[in-house]
Amino acid sequence: MARYTGPKVKLSRRCGVPIADIPKHTSKRALNPNGVHGYRGRRLRAYGIRLNEKQKLRYHYGMMEKQFRRTVDEAARRPGNTGEVLLQLLEQRLDNTVRRAGLARTIWAARQIVAHGHVLVNGKKVDRPSFQVSIGDVLTLKTKVQKLARENMESLAGHEVPGWIDFNPSELTVKVIAAPTVDQTPFDINTNLIVEFYR
């Protein structure tokens, strides 16, 4: 089985940074290695540093290696800085847009909402988490899942919606008003290292 079904906190611990913005991942205990003394680790070489940076980004968006590699190749084909285009493609995924709006607590929850067909893009059901949203697209939720979305919003009090989407909390609608930029990504990542890893 290709899909990772193990404990998600392990991924945060492996990368050394929280891959989800929930207390389970952001707590100090989650990021510290297990054991009395903890695993101090070895000093990473050039390959290890690049691999770790790539895994960090891959886990953050909940993608498998093959799918992530295809996205990197697509970013390399498009004009502009490959690293910036890569982040833009990842941010514009439908499951990520649902998460950024605060309708789901984690990328895995957002992916499930989309895969179960609860999200409408411009009035049409889209059940592919990798669907690329475009400027002007309007996302709405089916009535069945609106209660869950409101509960998620309450649990994510203080969540900041990025400037590239316009979110209406009363109607639970999300409108893409611009293309995401690197400075709107809510975590630190060195995309140059990721591009170098695949070159």
C-alpha atoms as a PDB file:
ATOM      1  CA  MET A   1       0.000   0.000   0.000  1.00  0.00           C
ATOM      2  CA  ALA A   2       1.481   3.349  -1.061  1.00  0.00           C
ATOM      3  CA  ARG A   3      -0.565   5.674   1.151  1.00  0.00           C
ATOM      4  CA  TYR A   4       0.936   6.491   4.554  1.00  0.00           C
ATOM      5  CA  THR A   5      -1.509   5.435   7.272  1.00  0.00           C
ATOM      6  CA  GLY A   6       0.774   5.621  10.327  1.00  0.00           C
ATOM      7  CA  PRO A   7       0.902   8.250  13.093  1.00  0.00           C
ATOM      8  CA  LYS A   8       1.037  11.756  11.607  1.00  0.00           C
ATOM      9  CA  VAL A   9       2.983  13.247  14.541  1.00  0.00           C
ATOM     10  CA  LYS A  10       5.864  10.971  13.583  1.00  0.00           C
ATOM     11  CA  LEU A  11       6.161  12.934  10.354  1.00  0.00           C
ATOM     12  CA  SER A  12       6.485  16.208  12.274  1.00  0.00           C
ATOM     13  CA  ARG A  13       9.128  14.650  14.528  1.00  0.00           C
ATOM     14  CA  ARG A  14      11.044  13.267  11.553  1.00  0.00           C
ATOM     15  CA  CYS A  15      11.159  16.695   9.840  1.00  0.00           C
ATOM     16  CA  GLY A  16      11.756  18.645  13.033  1.00  0.00           C
ATOM     17  CA  VAL A  17       8.913  21.099  12.241  1.00  0.00           C
ATOM     18  CA  PRO A  18       5.123  20.870  12.741  1.00  0.00           C
ATOM     19  CA  ILE A  19       3.419  19.820   9.501  1.00  0.00           C
ATOM     20  CA  ALA A  20      -0.071  20.686  10.785  1.00  0.00           C
ATOM     21  CA  ASP A  21      -1.198  23.776  12.721  1.00  0.00           C
ATOM     22  CA  ILE A  22      -2.835  21.876  15.574  1.00  0.00           C
ATOM     23  CA  PRO A  23      -1.562  21.536  19.176  1.00  0.00           C
ATOM     24  CA  LYS A  24      -0.754  17.856  18.717  1.00  0.00           C
ATOM     25  CA  HIS A  25       1.894  18.795  16.146  1.00  0.00           C
ATOM     26  CA  THR A  26       3.036  22.182  17.448  1.00  0.00           C
ATOM     27  CA  SER A  27       3.740  21.108  21.048  1.00  0.00           C
ATOM     28  CA  LYS A  28       7.360  20.873  22.136  1.00  0.00           C
ATOM     29  CA  ARG A  29       6.839  17.266  23.160  1.00  0.00           C
ATOM     30  CA  ALA A  30       5.733  16.284  19.641  1.00  0.00           C
ATOM     31  CA  LEU A  31       8.929  17.598  18.058  1.00  0.00           C
ATOM     32  CA  ASN A  32      11.348  16.159  20.619  1.00  0.00           C
ATOM     33  CA  PRO A  33      12.694  12.664  19.937  1.00  0.00           C
ATOM     34  CA  ASN A  34      11.406   9.829  22.107  1.00  0.00           C
ATOM     35  CA  GLY A  35      13.431   8.184  24.856  1.00  0.00           C
ATOM     36  CA  VAL A  36      15.165   9.316  28.030  1.00  0.00           C
ATOM     37  CA  HIS A  37      18.015  11.029  26.243  1.00  0.00           C
ATOM     38  CA  GLY A  38      16.347  11.516  22.881  1.00  0.00           C
ATOM     39  CA  TYR A  39      17.956  10.781  19.560  1.00  0.00           C
ATOM     40  CA  ARG A  40      20.487  13.548  18.977  1.00  0.00           C
ATOM     41  CA  GLY A  41      20.868  12.626  15.329  1.00  0.00           C
ATOM     42  CA  ARG A  42      23.747  12.838  12.930  1.00  0.00           C
ATOM     43  CA  ARG A  43      24.893  15.865  11.039  1.00  0.00           C
ATOM     44  CA  LEU A  44      23.194  15.763   7.647  1.00  0.00           C
ATOM     45  CA  ARG A  45      25.217  15.893   4.466  1.00  0.00           C
ATOM     46  CA  ALA A  46      24.195  17.913   1.396  1.00  0.00           C
ATOM     47  CA  TYR A  47      21.866  15.168   0.115  1.00  0.00           C
ATOM     48  CA  GLY A  48      20.213  14.713   3.536  1.00  0.00           C
ATOM     49  CA  ILE A  49      19.546  18.450   3.899  1.00  0.00           C
ATOM     50  CA  ARG A  50      17.832  18.582   0.495  1.00  0.00           C
ATOM     51  CA  LEU A  51      15.891  15.377   1.145  1.00  0.00           C
ATOM     52  CA  ASN A  52      14.636  16.688   4.502  1.00  0.00           C
ATOM     53  CA  GLU A  53      13.470  19.963   2.924  1.00  0.00           C
ATOM     54  CA  LYS A  54      11.632  18.064   0.186  1.00  0.00           C
ATOM     55  CA  GLN A  55       9.957  15.694   2.670  1.00  0.00           C
ATOM     56  CA  LYS A  56       8.882  18.647   4.825  1.00  0.00           C
ATOM     57  CA  LEU A  57       7.013  20.206   1.889  1.00  0.00           C
ATOM     58  CA  ARG A  58       5.596  16.871   0.719  1.00  0.00           C
ATOM     59  CA  TYR A  59       4.222  16.000   4.170  1.00  0.00           C
ATOM     60  CA  HIS A  60       2.784  19.510   4.588  1.00  0.00           C
ATOM     61  CA  TYR A  61       0.607  19.035   1.498  1.00  0.00           C
ATOM     62  CA  GLY A  62      -0.098  15.344   2.177  1.00  0.00           C
ATOM     63  CA  MET A  63       1.241  14.081  -1.142  1.00  0.00           C
ATOM     64  CA  MET A  64       2.921  10.887  -2.247  1.00  0.00           C
ATOM     65  CA  GLU A  65       6.325  10.992  -3.937  1.00  0.00           C
ATOM     66  CA  LYS A  66       5.128  10.278  -7.489  1.00  0.00           C
ATOM     67  CA  GLN A  67       2.496  13.012  -7.388  1.00  0.00           C
ATOM     68  CA  PHE A  68       4.941  15.478  -5.825  1.00  0.00           C
ATOM     69  CA  ARG A  69       7.563  14.714  -8.487  1.00  0.00           C
ATOM     70  CA  ARG A  70       5.011  15.380 -11.236  1.00  0.00           C
ATOM     71  CA  THR A  71       4.224  18.758  -9.659  1.00  0.00           C
ATOM     72  CA  VAL A  72       7.947  19.634  -9.557  1.00  0.00           C
ATOM     73  CA  ASP A  73       8.266  18.694 -13.253  1.00  0.00           C
ATOM     74  CA  GLU A  74       5.217  20.817 -14.094  1.00  0.00           C
ATOM     75  CA  ALA A  75       6.720  23.782 -12.194  1.00  0.00           C
ATOM     76  CA  ALA A  76      10.000  23.359 -14.121  1.00  0.00           C
ATOM     77  CA  ARG A  77       8.116  23.474 -17.450  1.00  0.00           C
ATOM     78  CA  ARG A  78       6.319  26.721 -16.634  1.00  0.00           C
ATOM     79  CA  PRO A  79       8.014  30.122 -17.062  1.00  0.00           C
ATOM     80  CA  GLY A  80       9.387  31.861 -13.969  1.00  0.00           C
ATOM     81  CA  ASN A  81      11.259  30.768 -10.866  1.00  0.00           C
ATOM     82  CA  THR A  82      10.707  27.002 -10.487  1.00  0.00           C
ATOM     83  CA  GLY A  83      10.585  27.163  -6.663  1.00  0.00           C
ATOM     84  CA  GLU A  84       7.981  29.946  -6.621  1.00  0.00           C
ATOM     85  CA  VAL A  85       5.866  28.260  -9.310  1.00  0.00           C
ATOM     86  CA  LEU A  86       6.033  24.984  -7.330  1.00  0.00           C
ATOM     87  CA  LEU A  87       4.691  26.657  -4.175  1.00  0.00           C
ATOM     88  CA  GLN A  88       1.984  28.358  -6.226  1.00  0.00           C
ATOM     89  CA  LEU A  89       0.859  25.037  -7.740  1.00  0.00           C
ATOM     90  CA  LEU A  90       0.797  23.384  -4.306  1.00  0.00           C
ATOM     91  CA  GLU A  91      -1.107  26.256  -2.676  1.00  0.00           C
ATOM     92  CA  GLN A  92      -3.730  26.228  -5.450  1.00  0.00           C
ATOM     93  CA  ARG A  93      -4.654  22.583  -4.868  1.00  0.00           C
ATOM     94  CA  LEU A  94      -8.333  22.256  -3.935  1.00  0.00           C
ATOM     95  CA  ASP A  95      -7.697  20.409  -0.649  1.00  0.00           C
ATOM     96  CA  ASN A  96      -5.161  23.043   0.403  1.00  0.00           C
ATOM     97  CA  THR A  97      -7.547  25.903  -0.457  1.00  0.00           C
ATOM     98  CA  VAL A  98     -10.184  24.309   1.803  1.00  0.00           C
ATOM     99  CA  ARG A  99      -7.596  24.044   4.588  1.00  0.00           C
ATOM    100  CA  ARG A 100      -6.308  27.627   4.145  1.00  0.00           C
ATOM    101  CA  ALA A 101      -9.877  28.944   4.436  1.00  0.00           C
ATOM    102  CA  GLY A 102     -10.130  27.225   7.841  1.00  0.00           C
ATOM    103  CA  LEU A 103     -12.915  24.816   6.819  1.00  0.00           C
ATOM    104  CA  ALA A 104     -10.752  21.848   7.859  1.00  0.00           C
ATOM    105  CA  ARG A 105      -8.197  21.526  10.667  1.00  0.00           C
ATOM    106  CA  THR A 106      -5.564  19.561   8.754  1.00  0.00           C
ATOM    107  CA  ILE A 107      -4.662  18.731   5.157  1.00  0.00           C
ATOM    108  CA  TRP A 108      -5.879  15.151   5.728  1.00  0.00           C
ATOM    109  CA  ALA A 109      -9.299  16.358   6.882  1.00  0.00           C
ATOM    110  CA  ALA A 110      -9.518  18.763   3.915  1.00  0.00           C
ATOM    111  CA  ARG A 111      -8.570  15.973   1.528  1.00  0.00           C
ATOM    112  CA  GLN A 112     -11.345  13.769   2.945  1.00  0.00           C
ATOM    113  CA  ILE A 113     -13.962  16.538   2.619  1.00  0.00           C
ATOM    114  CA  VAL A 114     -13.011  16.982  -1.048  1.00  0.00           C
ATOM    115  CA  ALA A 115     -12.700  13.248  -1.848  1.00  0.00           C
ATOM    116  CA  HIS A 116     -16.166  12.577  -0.400  1.00  0.00           C
ATOM    117  CA  GLY A 117     -17.641  15.082  -2.851  1.00  0.00           C
ATOM    118  CA  HIS A 118     -18.689  17.767  -0.359  1.00  0.00           C
ATOM    119  CA  VAL A 119     -17.026  20.674  -2.234  1.00  0.00           C
ATOM    120  CA  LEU A 120     -18.542  22.451  -5.232  1.00  0.00           C
ATOM    121  CA  VAL A 121     -16.336  24.558  -7.517  1.00  0.00           C
ATOM    122  CA  ASN A 122     -18.444  27.084  -9.464  1.00  0.00           C
ATOM    123  CA  GLY A 123     -21.515  24.967  -8.664  1.00  0.00           C
ATOM    124  CA  LYS A 124     -20.036  21.660  -9.895  1.00  0.00           C
ATOM    125  CA  LYS A 125     -18.961  18.814  -7.642  1.00  0.00           C
ATOM    126  CA  VAL A 126     -15.201  18.219  -7.683  1.00  0.00           C
ATOM    127  CA  ASP A 127     -13.873  15.215  -5.764  1.00  0.00           C
ATOM    128  CA  ARG A 128     -10.178  15.427  -6.765  1.00  0.00           C
ATOM    129  CA  PRO A 129      -7.988  16.905  -4.012  1.00  0.00           C
ATOM    130  CA  SER A 130      -5.313  17.775  -6.603  1.00  0.00           C
ATOM    131  CA  PHE A 131      -7.723  19.949  -8.655  1.00  0.00           C
ATOM    132  CA  GLN A 132      -6.093  23.325  -9.410  1.00  0.00           C
ATOM    133  CA  VAL A 133      -8.277  26.290  -8.473  1.00  0.00           C
ATOM    134  CA  SER A 134      -8.040  29.379 -10.695  1.00  0.00           C
ATOM    135  CA  ILE A 135      -8.572  33.083 -10.062  1.00  0.00           C
ATOM    136  CA  GLY A 136     -12.322  33.753  -9.966  1.00  0.00           C
ATOM    137  CA  ASP A 137     -13.311  30.238  -8.830  1.00  0.00           C
ATOM    138  CA  VAL A 138     -15.948  30.099  -6.084  1.00  0.00           C
ATOM    139  CA  LEU A 139     -15.943  27.173  -3.644  1.00  0.00           C
ATOM    140  CA  THR A 140     -19.065  26.215  -1.709  1.00  0.00           C
ATOM    141  CA  LEU A 141     -19.860  23.330   0.620  1.00  0.00           C
ATOM    142  CA  LYS A 142     -22.812  20.953   0.479  1.00  0.00           C
ATOM    143  CA  THR A 143     -25.291  21.375   3.349  1.00  0.00           C
ATOM    144  CA  LYS A 144     -24.408  17.966   4.765  1.00  0.00           C
ATOM    145  CA  VAL A 145     -20.901  19.066   5.780  1.00  0.00           C
ATOM    146  CA  GLN A 146     -21.552  22.694   6.785  1.00  0.00           C
ATOM    147  CA  LYS A 147     -22.040  21.858  10.478  1.00  0.00           C
ATOM    148  CA  LEU A 148     -18.660  20.093  10.562  1.00  0.00           C
ATOM    149  CA  ALA A 149     -17.014  23.040   8.782  1.00  0.00           C
ATOM    150  CA  ARG A 150     -18.389  25.491  11.375  1.00  0.00           C
ATOM    151  CA  GLU A 151     -17.086  23.289  14.210  1.00  0.00           C
ATOM    152  CA  ASN A 152     -13.654  23.258  12.549  1.00  0.00           C
ATOM    153  CA  MET A 153     -13.728  27.053  12.260  1.00  0.00           C
ATOM    154  CA  GLU A 154     -14.530  27.374  15.992  1.00  0.00           C
ATOM    155  CA  SER A 155     -11.689  25.038  16.931  1.00  0.00           C
ATOM    156  CA  LEU A 156      -9.285  27.067  14.753  1.00  0.00           C
ATOM    157  CA  ALA A 157      -9.962  30.365  16.502  1.00  0.00           C
ATOM    158  CA  GLY A 158      -7.388  32.951  15.435  1.00  0.00           C
ATOM    159  CA  HIS A 159      -6.782  31.261  12.076  1.00  0.00           C
ATOM    160  CA  GLU A 160      -5.659  33.817   9.476  1.00  0.00           C
ATOM    161  CA  VAL A 161      -7.059  33.443   5.965  1.00  0.00           C
ATOM    162  CA  PRO A 162      -4.381  34.309   3.372  1.00  0.00           C
ATOM    163  CA  GLY A 163      -4.862  37.355   1.138  1.00  0.00           C
ATOM    164  CA  TRP A 164      -5.230  35.370  -2.087  1.00  0.00           C
ATOM    165  CA  ILE A 165      -8.640  34.015  -1.050  1.00  0.00           C
ATOM    166  CA  ASP A 166     -11.799  35.854   0.000  1.00  0.00           C
ATOM    167  CA  PHE A 167     -13.705  33.867   2.632  1.00  0.00           C
ATOM    168  CA  ASN A 168     -17.303  34.543   3.647  1.00  0.00           C
ATOM    169  CA  PRO A 169     -17.851  32.770   7.031  1.00  0.00           C
ATOM    170  CA  SER A 170     -21.628  33.320   7.148  1.00  0.00           C
ATOM    171  CA  GLU A 171     -22.248  31.618   3.779  1.00  0.00           C
ATOM    172  CA  LEU A 172     -19.156  29.368   3.937  1.00  0.00           C
ATOM    173  CA  THR A 173     -18.030  30.422   0.454  1.00  0.00           C
ATOM    174  CA  VAL A 174     -14.437  30.818  -0.684  1.00  0.00           C
ATOM    175  CA  LYS A 175     -13.456  32.919  -3.708  1.00  0.00           C
ATOM    176  CA  VAL A 176      -9.980  32.826  -5.229  1.00  0.00           C
ATOM    177  CA  ILE A 177      -9.126  36.482  -5.900  1.00  0.00           C
ATOM    178  CA  ALA A 178      -5.403  36.270  -6.722  1.00  0.00           C
ATOM    179  CA  ALA A 179      -2.510  33.881  -7.257  1.00  0.00           C
ATOM    180  CA  PRO A 180      -0.715  32.923  -4.014  1.00  0.00           C
ATOM    181  CA  THR A 181       2.767  34.336  -3.466  1.00  0.00           C
ATOM    182  CA  VAL A 182       5.731  32.869  -1.578  1.00  0.00           C
ATOM    183  CA  ASP A 183       5.408  35.313   1.345  1.00  0.00           C
ATOM    184  CA  GLN A 184       1.790  34.134   1.894  1.00  0.00           C
ATOM    185  CA  THR A 185       2.962  30.569   2.613  1.00  0.00           C
ATOM    186  CA  PRO A 186       2.568  30.076   6.393  1.00  0.00           C
ATOM    187  CA  PHE A 187       5.817  28.133   6.931  1.00  0.00           C
ATOM    188  CA  ASP A 188       9.512  28.506   6.124  1.00  0.00           C
ATOM    189  CA  ILE A 189      10.799  26.448   3.232  1.00  0.00           C
ATOM    190  CA  ASN A 190      13.833  26.698   0.989  1.00  0.00           C
ATOM    191  CA  THR A 191      12.493  25.823  -2.462  1.00  0.00           C
ATOM    192  CA  ASN A 192      15.974  26.099  -4.025  1.00  0.00           C
ATOM    193  CA  LEU A 193      17.054  23.003  -2.083  1.00  0.00           C
ATOM    194  CA  ILE A 194      14.017  21.085  -3.351  1.00  0.00           C
ATOM    195  CA  VAL A 195      14.673  22.034  -6.979  1.00  0.00           C
ATOM    196  CA  GLU A 196      18.342  21.051  -6.516  1.00  0.00           C
ATOM    197  CA  PHE A 197      17.261  17.676  -5.072  1.00  0.00           C
ATOM    198  CA  TYR A 198      15.489  16.785  -8.330  1.00  0.00           C
ATOM    199  CA  ARG A 199      18.147  18.176 -10.706  1.00  0.00           C
END
